[in-house]
PDB file of all heavy atoms in Angstrom:
ATOM      1  N   LEU A   1      49.248  62.529 -12.781  1.00  0.00           N
ATOM      2  CA  LEU A   1      50.690  62.614 -12.558  1.00  0.00           C
ATOM      3  C   LEU A   1      51.046  62.622 -11.075  1.00  0.00           C
ATOM      4  O   LEU A   1      51.980  61.941 -10.653  1.00  0.00           O
ATOM      5  CB  LEU A   1      51.266  63.856 -13.248  1.00  0.00           C
ATOM      6  CG  LEU A   1      51.410  63.749 -14.756  1.00  0.00           C
ATOM      7  CD1 LEU A   1      51.554  65.118 -15.400  1.00  0.00           C
ATOM      8  CD2 LEU A   1      52.601  62.850 -15.099  1.00  0.00           C
ATOM      9  N   LEU A   2      50.294  63.375 -10.273  1.00  0.00           N
ATOM     10  CA  LEU A   2      50.600  63.388  -8.837  1.00  0.00           C
ATOM     11  C   LEU A   2      50.342  62.027  -8.215  1.00  0.00           C
ATOM     12  O   LEU A   2      51.120  61.564  -7.378  1.00  0.00           O
ATOM     13  CB  LEU A   2      49.805  64.465  -8.100  1.00  0.00           C
ATOM     14  CG  LEU A   2      50.145  64.549  -6.609  1.00  0.00           C
ATOM     15  CD1 LEU A   2      51.603  64.955  -6.389  1.00  0.00           C
ATOM     16  CD2 LEU A   2      49.214  65.500  -5.898  1.00  0.00           C
ATOM     17  N   ASN A   3      49.281  61.370  -8.639  1.00  0.00           N
ATOM     18  CA  ASN A   3      49.025  60.035  -8.089  1.00  0.00           C
ATOM     19  C   ASN A   3      50.125  59.057  -8.483  1.00  0.00           C
ATOM     20  O   ASN A   3      50.429  58.132  -7.724  1.00  0.00           O
ATOM     21  CB  ASN A   3      47.641  59.547  -8.517  1.00  0.00           C
ATOM     22  CG  ASN A   3      46.549  60.282  -7.768  1.00  0.00           C
ATOM     23  OD1 ASN A   3      46.731  60.722  -6.643  1.00  0.00           O
ATOM     24  ND2 ASN A   3      45.406  60.438  -8.413  1.00  0.00           N
ATOM     25  N   HIS A   4      50.742  59.272  -9.624  1.00  0.00           N
ATOM     26  CA  HIS A   4      51.864  58.424 -10.045  1.00  0.00           C
ATOM     27  C   HIS A   4      53.136  58.779  -9.264  1.00  0.00           C
ATOM     28  O   HIS A   4      53.734  57.916  -8.622  1.00  0.00           O
ATOM     29  CB  HIS A   4      52.105  58.580 -11.547  1.00  0.00           C
ATOM     30  CG  HIS A   4      53.358  57.937 -12.020  1.00  0.00           C
ATOM     31  ND1 HIS A   4      53.495  56.561 -12.103  1.00  0.00           N
ATOM     32  CD2 HIS A   4      54.542  58.466 -12.414  1.00  0.00           C
ATOM     33  CE1 HIS A   4      54.715  56.285 -12.539  1.00  0.00           C
ATOM     34  NE2 HIS A   4      55.365  57.414 -12.727  1.00  0.00           N
ATOM     35  N   TRP A   5      53.561  60.034  -9.337  1.00  0.00           N
ATOM     36  CA  TRP A   5      54.827  60.447  -8.719  1.00  0.00           C
ATOM     37  C   TRP A   5      54.737  60.525  -7.193  1.00  0.00           C
ATOM     38  O   TRP A   5      55.754  60.410  -6.512  1.00  0.00           O
ATOM     39  CB  TRP A   5      55.302  61.785  -9.280  1.00  0.00           C
ATOM     40  CG  TRP A   5      55.732  61.699 -10.698  1.00  0.00           C
ATOM     41  CD1 TRP A   5      55.148  62.307 -11.770  1.00  0.00           C
ATOM     42  CD2 TRP A   5      56.827  60.940 -11.227  1.00  0.00           C
ATOM     43  NE1 TRP A   5      55.810  61.979 -12.925  1.00  0.00           N
ATOM     44  CE2 TRP A   5      56.853  61.136 -12.620  1.00  0.00           C
ATOM     45  CE3 TRP A   5      57.793  60.114 -10.648  1.00  0.00           C
ATOM     46  CZ2 TRP A   5      57.792  60.537 -13.445  1.00  0.00           C
ATOM     47  CZ3 TRP A   5      58.732  59.522 -11.470  1.00  0.00           C
ATOM     48  CH2 TRP A   5      58.725  59.737 -12.848  1.00  0.00           C
ATOM     49  N   GLY A   6      53.536  60.707  -6.664  1.00  0.00           N
ATOM     50  CA  GLY A   6      53.375  60.801  -5.212  1.00  0.00           C
ATOM     51  C   GLY A   6      53.605  59.483  -4.501  1.00  0.00           C
ATOM     52  O   GLY A   6      53.844  59.463  -3.309  1.00  0.00           O
ATOM     53  N   LYS A   7      53.512  58.376  -5.240  1.00  0.00           N
ATOM     54  CA  LYS A   7      53.800  57.042  -4.702  1.00  0.00           C
ATOM     55  C   LYS A   7      53.149  56.800  -3.340  1.00  0.00           C
ATOM     56  O   LYS A   7      53.770  56.276  -2.425  1.00  0.00           O
ATOM     57  CB  LYS A   7      55.307  56.811  -4.625  1.00  0.00           C
ATOM     58  CG  LYS A   7      56.004  56.857  -5.962  1.00  0.00           C
ATOM     59  CD  LYS A   7      57.481  56.597  -5.803  1.00  0.00           C
ATOM     60  CE  LYS A   7      58.318  56.615  -7.022  1.00  0.00           C
ATOM     61  NZ  LYS A   7      57.898  56.857  -8.296  1.00  0.00           N
ATOM     62  N   GLY A   8      51.892  57.229  -3.203  1.00  0.00           N
ATOM     63  CA  GLY A   8      51.168  57.003  -1.960  1.00  0.00           C
ATOM     64  C   GLY A   8      51.376  58.073  -0.909  1.00  0.00           C
ATOM     65  O   GLY A   8      50.614  58.153   0.050  1.00  0.00           O
ATOM     66  N   ARG A   9      52.404  58.908  -1.043  1.00  0.00           N
ATOM     67  CA  ARG A   9      52.620  60.005  -0.085  1.00  0.00           C
ATOM     68  C   ARG A   9      51.651  61.147  -0.330  1.00  0.00           C
ATOM     69  O   ARG A   9      51.349  61.905   0.573  1.00  0.00           O
ATOM     70  CB  ARG A   9      54.052  60.552  -0.188  1.00  0.00           C
ATOM     71  CG  ARG A   9      55.115  59.595   0.254  1.00  0.00           C
ATOM     72  CD  ARG A   9      56.507  60.209   0.177  1.00  0.00           C
ATOM     73  NE  ARG A   9      56.595  61.212  -0.873  1.00  0.00           N
ATOM     74  CZ  ARG A   9      57.307  62.331  -0.797  1.00  0.00           C
ATOM     75  NH1 ARG A   9      58.011  62.597   0.265  1.00  0.00           N
ATOM     76  NH2 ARG A   9      57.344  63.179  -1.797  1.00  0.00           N
ATOM     77  N   PHE A  10      51.215  61.300  -1.577  1.00  0.00           N
ATOM     78  CA  PHE A  10      50.290  62.359  -1.967  1.00  0.00           C
ATOM     79  C   PHE A  10      49.142  61.731  -2.732  1.00  0.00           C
ATOM     80  O   PHE A  10      49.324  60.745  -3.437  1.00  0.00           O
ATOM     81  CB  PHE A  10      50.980  63.383  -2.884  1.00  0.00           C
ATOM     82  CG  PHE A  10      52.153  64.055  -2.256  1.00  0.00           C
ATOM     83  CD1 PHE A  10      53.442  63.630  -2.553  1.00  0.00           C
ATOM     84  CD2 PHE A  10      51.983  65.104  -1.374  1.00  0.00           C
ATOM     85  CE1 PHE A  10      54.540  64.245  -1.983  1.00  0.00           C
ATOM     86  CE2 PHE A  10      53.081  65.726  -0.794  1.00  0.00           C
ATOM     87  CZ  PHE A  10      54.363  65.292  -1.097  1.00  0.00           C
ATOM     88  N   HIS A  11      47.979  62.357  -2.605  1.00  0.00           N
ATOM     89  CA  HIS A  11      46.848  61.924  -3.415  1.00  0.00           C
ATOM     90  C   HIS A  11      46.339  63.140  -4.173  1.00  0.00           C
ATOM     91  O   HIS A  11      46.062  64.173  -3.567  1.00  0.00           O
ATOM     92  CB  HIS A  11      45.734  61.328  -2.555  1.00  0.00           C
ATOM     93  CG  HIS A  11      44.691  60.674  -3.398  1.00  0.00           C
ATOM     94  ND1 HIS A  11      44.807  59.382  -3.853  1.00  0.00           N
ATOM     95  CD2 HIS A  11      43.543  61.148  -3.907  1.00  0.00           C
ATOM     96  CE1 HIS A  11      43.765  59.085  -4.601  1.00  0.00           C
ATOM     97  NE2 HIS A  11      42.981  60.142  -4.648  1.00  0.00           N
ATOM     98  N   GLY A  12      46.255  63.001  -5.486  1.00  0.00           N
ATOM     99  CA  GLY A  12      45.807  64.087  -6.332  1.00  0.00           C
ATOM    100  C   GLY A  12      44.325  63.997  -6.650  1.00  0.00           C
ATOM    101  O   GLY A  12      43.765  62.904  -6.788  1.00  0.00           O
ATOM    102  N   TYR A  13      43.715  65.171  -6.743  1.00  0.00           N
ATOM    103  CA  TYR A  13      42.329  65.325  -7.162  1.00  0.00           C
ATOM    104  C   TYR A  13      42.303  66.457  -8.183  1.00  0.00           C
ATOM    105  O   TYR A  13      43.224  67.272  -8.230  1.00  0.00           O
ATOM    106  CB  TYR A  13      41.430  65.710  -5.984  1.00  0.00           C
ATOM    107  CG  TYR A  13      41.362  64.698  -4.883  1.00  0.00           C
ATOM    108  CD1 TYR A  13      42.233  64.750  -3.799  1.00  0.00           C
ATOM    109  CD2 TYR A  13      40.408  63.683  -4.908  1.00  0.00           C
ATOM    110  CE1 TYR A  13      42.165  63.822  -2.772  1.00  0.00           C
ATOM    111  CE2 TYR A  13      40.332  62.750  -3.881  1.00  0.00           C
ATOM    112  CZ  TYR A  13      41.211  62.827  -2.817  1.00  0.00           C
ATOM    113  OH  TYR A  13      41.133  61.909  -1.799  1.00  0.00           O
ATOM    114  N   SER A  14      41.230  66.539  -8.947  1.00  0.00           N
ATOM    115  CA  SER A  14      41.071  67.662  -9.862  1.00  0.00           C
ATOM    116  C   SER A  14      39.607  68.051  -9.919  1.00  0.00           C
ATOM    117  O   SER A  14      38.723  67.239  -9.638  1.00  0.00           O
ATOM    118  CB  SER A  14      41.575  67.306 -11.260  1.00  0.00           C
ATOM    119  OG  SER A  14      40.752  66.317 -11.860  1.00  0.00           O
ATOM    120  N   ALA A  15      39.383  69.311 -10.283  1.00  0.00           N
ATOM    121  CA  ALA A  15      38.015  69.810 -10.401  1.00  0.00           C
ATOM    122  C   ALA A  15      38.037  71.086 -11.223  1.00  0.00           C
ATOM    123  O   ALA A  15      39.098  71.651 -11.496  1.00  0.00           O
ATOM    124  CB  ALA A  15      37.427  70.075  -9.016  1.00  0.00           C
ATOM    125  N   GLY A  16      36.843  71.534 -11.595  1.00  0.00           N
ATOM    126  CA  GLY A  16      36.728  72.753 -12.382  1.00  0.00           C
ATOM    127  C   GLY A  16      35.608  73.641 -11.899  1.00  0.00           C
ATOM    128  O   GLY A  16      34.658  73.180 -11.267  1.00  0.00           O
ATOM    129  N   SER A  17      35.736  74.924 -12.212  1.00  0.00           N
ATOM    130  CA  SER A  17      34.683  75.870 -11.851  1.00  0.00           C
ATOM    131  C   SER A  17      33.469  75.697 -12.760  1.00  0.00           C
ATOM    132  O   SER A  17      32.334  75.888 -12.323  1.00  0.00           O
ATOM    133  CB  SER A  17      35.211  77.304 -11.933  1.00  0.00           C
ATOM    134  OG  SER A  17      35.786  77.562 -13.203  1.00  0.00           O
ATOM    135  N   PHE A  18      33.697  75.347 -14.020  1.00  0.00           N
ATOM    136  CA  PHE A  18      32.634  75.063 -14.983  1.00  0.00           C
ATOM    137  C   PHE A  18      33.018  73.800 -15.743  1.00  0.00           C
ATOM    138  O   PHE A  18      33.450  73.859 -16.896  1.00  0.00           O
ATOM    139  CB  PHE A  18      32.447  76.240 -15.949  1.00  0.00           C
ATOM    140  CG  PHE A  18      32.010  77.498 -15.263  1.00  0.00           C
ATOM    141  CD1 PHE A  18      32.934  78.464 -14.879  1.00  0.00           C
ATOM    142  CD2 PHE A  18      30.668  77.706 -14.976  1.00  0.00           C
ATOM    143  CE1 PHE A  18      32.530  79.615 -14.230  1.00  0.00           C
ATOM    144  CE2 PHE A  18      30.257  78.865 -14.321  1.00  0.00           C
ATOM    145  CZ  PHE A  18      31.195  79.825 -13.950  1.00  0.00           C
ATOM    146  N   PRO A  19      32.902  72.636 -15.075  1.00  0.00           N
ATOM    147  CA  PRO A  19      33.395  71.399 -15.690  1.00  0.00           C
ATOM    148  C   PRO A  19      32.705  71.079 -17.011  1.00  0.00           C
ATOM    149  O   PRO A  19      31.507  71.310 -17.169  1.00  0.00           O
ATOM    150  CB  PRO A  19      33.094  70.335 -14.635  1.00  0.00           C
ATOM    151  CG  PRO A  19      32.056  70.929 -13.753  1.00  0.00           C
ATOM    152  CD  PRO A  19      32.233  72.415 -13.806  1.00  0.00           C
ATOM    153  N   LYS A  20      33.493  70.555 -17.938  1.00  0.00           N
ATOM    154  CA  LYS A  20      32.986  70.176 -19.264  1.00  0.00           C
ATOM    155  C   LYS A  20      32.081  68.942 -19.186  1.00  0.00           C
ATOM    156  O   LYS A  20      31.279  68.717 -20.073  1.00  0.00           O
ATOM    157  CB  LYS A  20      34.147  69.873 -20.210  1.00  0.00           C
ATOM    158  CG  LYS A  20      35.071  71.024 -20.446  1.00  0.00           C
ATOM    159  CD  LYS A  20      34.570  71.892 -21.542  1.00  0.00           C
ATOM    160  CE  LYS A  20      35.632  72.939 -21.849  1.00  0.00           C
ATOM    161  NZ  LYS A  20      35.145  73.979 -22.690  1.00  0.00           N
ATOM    162  N   GLY A  21      32.273  68.118 -18.166  1.00  0.00           N
ATOM    163  CA  GLY A  21      31.457  66.921 -18.022  1.00  0.00           C
ATOM    164  C   GLY A  21      32.108  65.679 -18.601  1.00  0.00           C
ATOM    165  O   GLY A  21      31.609  64.580 -18.413  1.00  0.00           O
ATOM    166  N   ALA A  22      33.223  65.859 -19.298  1.00  0.00           N
ATOM    167  CA  ALA A  22      33.943  64.720 -19.875  1.00  0.00           C
ATOM    168  C   ALA A  22      35.424  65.060 -19.960  1.00  0.00           C
ATOM    169  O   ALA A  22      35.797  66.218 -20.150  1.00  0.00           O
ATOM    170  CB  ALA A  22      33.407  64.394 -21.266  1.00  0.00           C
ATOM    171  N   VAL A  23      36.252  64.048 -19.819  1.00  0.00           N
ATOM    172  CA  VAL A  23      37.692  64.225 -19.972  1.00  0.00           C
ATOM    173  C   VAL A  23      37.997  64.295 -21.465  1.00  0.00           C
ATOM    174  O   VAL A  23      37.453  63.532 -22.263  1.00  0.00           O
ATOM    175  CB  VAL A  23      38.457  63.066 -19.302  1.00  0.00           C
ATOM    176  CG1 VAL A  23      39.956  63.218 -19.506  1.00  0.00           C
ATOM    177  CG2 VAL A  23      38.113  62.994 -17.815  1.00  0.00           C
ATOM    178  N   HIS A  24      38.858  65.222 -21.840  1.00  0.00           N
ATOM    179  CA  HIS A  24      39.225  65.385 -23.251  1.00  0.00           C
ATOM    180  C   HIS A  24      39.876  64.094 -23.758  1.00  0.00           C
ATOM    181  O   HIS A  24      40.767  63.549 -23.107  1.00  0.00           O
ATOM    182  CB  HIS A  24      40.190  66.565 -23.407  1.00  0.00           C
ATOM    183  CG  HIS A  24      40.324  67.042 -24.803  1.00  0.00           C
ATOM    184  ND1 HIS A  24      40.984  66.323 -25.773  1.00  0.00           N
ATOM    185  CD2 HIS A  24      39.865  68.163 -25.404  1.00  0.00           C
ATOM    186  CE1 HIS A  24      40.950  66.994 -26.909  1.00  0.00           C
ATOM    187  NE2 HIS A  24      40.267  68.117 -26.721  1.00  0.00           N
ATOM    188  N   PRO A  25      39.454  63.607 -24.915  1.00  0.00           N
ATOM    189  CA  PRO A  25      40.012  62.354 -25.446  1.00  0.00           C
ATOM    190  C   PRO A  25      41.530  62.389 -25.641  1.00  0.00           C
ATOM    191  O   PRO A  25      42.192  61.367 -25.431  1.00  0.00           O
ATOM    192  CB  PRO A  25      39.309  62.169 -26.792  1.00  0.00           C
ATOM    193  CG  PRO A  25      38.128  63.058 -26.765  1.00  0.00           C
ATOM    194  CD  PRO A  25      38.391  64.135 -25.761  1.00  0.00           C
ATOM    195  N   LEU A  26      42.094  63.545 -26.002  1.00  0.00           N
ATOM    196  CA  LEU A  26      43.551  63.612 -26.179  1.00  0.00           C
ATOM    197  C   LEU A  26      44.282  63.542 -24.843  1.00  0.00           C
ATOM    198  O   LEU A  26      45.410  63.042 -24.783  1.00  0.00           O
ATOM    199  CB  LEU A  26      43.952  64.853 -26.970  1.00  0.00           C
ATOM    200  CG  LEU A  26      43.560  64.841 -28.443  1.00  0.00           C
ATOM    201  CD1 LEU A  26      43.952  66.147 -29.124  1.00  0.00           C
ATOM    202  CD2 LEU A  26      44.184  63.653 -29.174  1.00  0.00           C
ATOM    203  N   ALA A  27      43.663  64.014 -23.766  1.00  0.00           N
ATOM    204  CA  ALA A  27      44.271  63.863 -22.438  1.00  0.00           C
ATOM    205  C   ALA A  27      44.314  62.384 -22.061  1.00  0.00           C
ATOM    206  O   ALA A  27      45.341  61.878 -21.588  1.00  0.00           O
ATOM    207  CB  ALA A  27      43.496  64.660 -21.394  1.00  0.00           C
ATOM    208  N   LEU A  28      43.212  61.684 -22.299  1.00  0.00           N
ATOM    209  CA  LEU A  28      43.180  60.245 -22.008  1.00  0.00           C
ATOM    210  C   LEU A  28      44.177  59.484 -22.879  1.00  0.00           C
ATOM    211  O   LEU A  28      44.872  58.584 -22.387  1.00  0.00           O
ATOM    212  CB  LEU A  28      41.762  59.697 -22.219  1.00  0.00           C
ATOM    213  CG  LEU A  28      40.733  60.152 -21.202  1.00  0.00           C
ATOM    214  CD1 LEU A  28      39.346  59.672 -21.599  1.00  0.00           C
ATOM    215  CD2 LEU A  28      41.096  59.670 -19.806  1.00  0.00           C
ATOM    216  N   GLU A  29      44.254  59.847 -24.152  1.00  0.00           N
ATOM    217  CA  GLU A  29      45.208  59.196 -25.059  1.00  0.00           C
ATOM    218  C   GLU A  29      46.634  59.367 -24.560  1.00  0.00           C
ATOM    219  O   GLU A  29      47.423  58.415 -24.538  1.00  0.00           O
ATOM    220  CB  GLU A  29      45.050  59.808 -26.451  1.00  0.00           C
ATOM    221  CG  GLU A  29      46.019  59.270 -27.489  1.00  0.00           C
ATOM    222  CD  GLU A  29      45.844  59.980 -28.827  1.00  0.00           C
ATOM    223  OE1 GLU A  29      44.758  59.843 -29.444  1.00  0.00           O
ATOM    224  OE2 GLU A  29      46.801  60.667 -29.253  1.00  0.00           O
ATOM    225  N   LEU A  30      46.981  60.575 -24.139  1.00  0.00           N
ATOM    226  CA  LEU A  30      48.330  60.857 -23.654  1.00  0.00           C
ATOM    227  C   LEU A  30      48.618  60.097 -22.361  1.00  0.00           C
ATOM    228  O   LEU A  30      49.707  59.535 -22.194  1.00  0.00           O
ATOM    229  CB  LEU A  30      48.500  62.353 -23.448  1.00  0.00           C
ATOM    230  CG  LEU A  30      49.880  62.853 -23.073  1.00  0.00           C
ATOM    231  CD1 LEU A  30      50.913  62.454 -24.118  1.00  0.00           C
ATOM    232  CD2 LEU A  30      49.866  64.356 -22.904  1.00  0.00           C
ATOM    233  N   LEU A  31      47.657  60.059 -21.458  1.00  0.00           N
ATOM    234  CA  LEU A  31      47.847  59.323 -20.206  1.00  0.00           C
ATOM    235  C   LEU A  31      48.030  57.829 -20.471  1.00  0.00           C
ATOM    236  O   LEU A  31      48.871  57.181 -19.848  1.00  0.00           O
ATOM    237  CB  LEU A  31      46.684  59.579 -19.250  1.00  0.00           C
ATOM    238  CG  LEU A  31      46.598  61.004 -18.706  1.00  0.00           C
ATOM    239  CD1 LEU A  31      45.273  61.221 -17.973  1.00  0.00           C
ATOM    240  CD2 LEU A  31      47.776  61.318 -17.807  1.00  0.00           C
ATOM    241  N   HIS A  32      47.240  57.286 -21.396  1.00  0.00           N
ATOM    242  CA  HIS A  32      47.408  55.870 -21.772  1.00  0.00           C
ATOM    243  C   HIS A  32      48.795  55.640 -22.354  1.00  0.00           C
ATOM    244  O   HIS A  32      49.463  54.659 -22.002  1.00  0.00           O
ATOM    245  CB  HIS A  32      46.341  55.445 -22.797  1.00  0.00           C
ATOM    246  CG  HIS A  32      45.000  55.199 -22.212  1.00  0.00           C
ATOM    247  ND1 HIS A  32      44.738  54.190 -21.305  1.00  0.00           N
ATOM    248  CD2 HIS A  32      43.825  55.835 -22.406  1.00  0.00           C
ATOM    249  CE1 HIS A  32      43.464  54.222 -20.964  1.00  0.00           C
ATOM    250  NE2 HIS A  32      42.885  55.217 -21.617  1.00  0.00           N
ATOM    251  N   HIS A  33      49.229  56.536 -23.233  1.00  0.00           N
ATOM    252  CA  HIS A  33      50.544  56.416 -23.863  1.00  0.00           C
ATOM    253  C   HIS A  33      51.668  56.454 -22.814  1.00  0.00           C
ATOM    254  O   HIS A  33      52.684  55.775 -22.956  1.00  0.00           O
ATOM    255  CB  HIS A  33      50.738  57.525 -24.903  1.00  0.00           C
ATOM    256  CG  HIS A  33      52.042  57.461 -25.623  1.00  0.00           C
ATOM    257  ND1 HIS A  33      52.322  56.493 -26.554  1.00  0.00           N
ATOM    258  CD2 HIS A  33      53.148  58.237 -25.522  1.00  0.00           C
ATOM    259  CE1 HIS A  33      53.552  56.667 -27.004  1.00  0.00           C
ATOM    260  NE2 HIS A  33      54.076  57.720 -26.400  1.00  0.00           N
ATOM    261  N   ALA A  34      51.458  57.240 -21.746  1.00  0.00           N
ATOM    262  CA  ALA A  34      52.445  57.339 -20.664  1.00  0.00           C
ATOM    263  C   ALA A  34      52.297  56.211 -19.641  1.00  0.00           C
ATOM    264  O   ALA A  34      53.004  56.184 -18.637  1.00  0.00           O
ATOM    265  CB  ALA A  34      52.313  58.693 -19.969  1.00  0.00           C
ATOM    266  N   ALA A  35      51.366  55.286 -19.896  1.00  0.00           N
ATOM    267  CA  ALA A  35      51.101  54.143 -19.014  1.00  0.00           C
ATOM    268  C   ALA A  35      50.641  54.577 -17.624  1.00  0.00           C
ATOM    269  O   ALA A  35      50.956  53.932 -16.622  1.00  0.00           O
ATOM    270  CB  ALA A  35      52.318  53.224 -18.933  1.00  0.00           C
ATOM    271  N   LEU A  36      49.877  55.667 -17.562  1.00  0.00           N
ATOM    272  CA  LEU A  36      49.311  56.135 -16.302  1.00  0.00           C
ATOM    273  C   LEU A  36      47.853  55.701 -16.210  1.00  0.00           C
ATOM    274  O   LEU A  36      47.120  55.777 -17.198  1.00  0.00           O
ATOM    275  CB  LEU A  36      49.408  57.659 -16.195  1.00  0.00           C
ATOM    276  CG  LEU A  36      50.827  58.219 -16.142  1.00  0.00           C
ATOM    277  CD1 LEU A  36      50.794  59.740 -16.136  1.00  0.00           C
ATOM    278  CD2 LEU A  36      51.564  57.708 -14.913  1.00  0.00           C
TER     279      LEU A  36
END
C-alpha cells in the first residue's frame, strides 16, 4: 500500500521478528484484487 500511495515519494518495506517464510495466500489474493 505504501509503495502504491507513496507514488515514488516513499518506499515501503516489511519484515518480521519471526517471519513465517511465506506470504499468506489471502494477503496475496487481496492485493491482486486491489490491482496492487
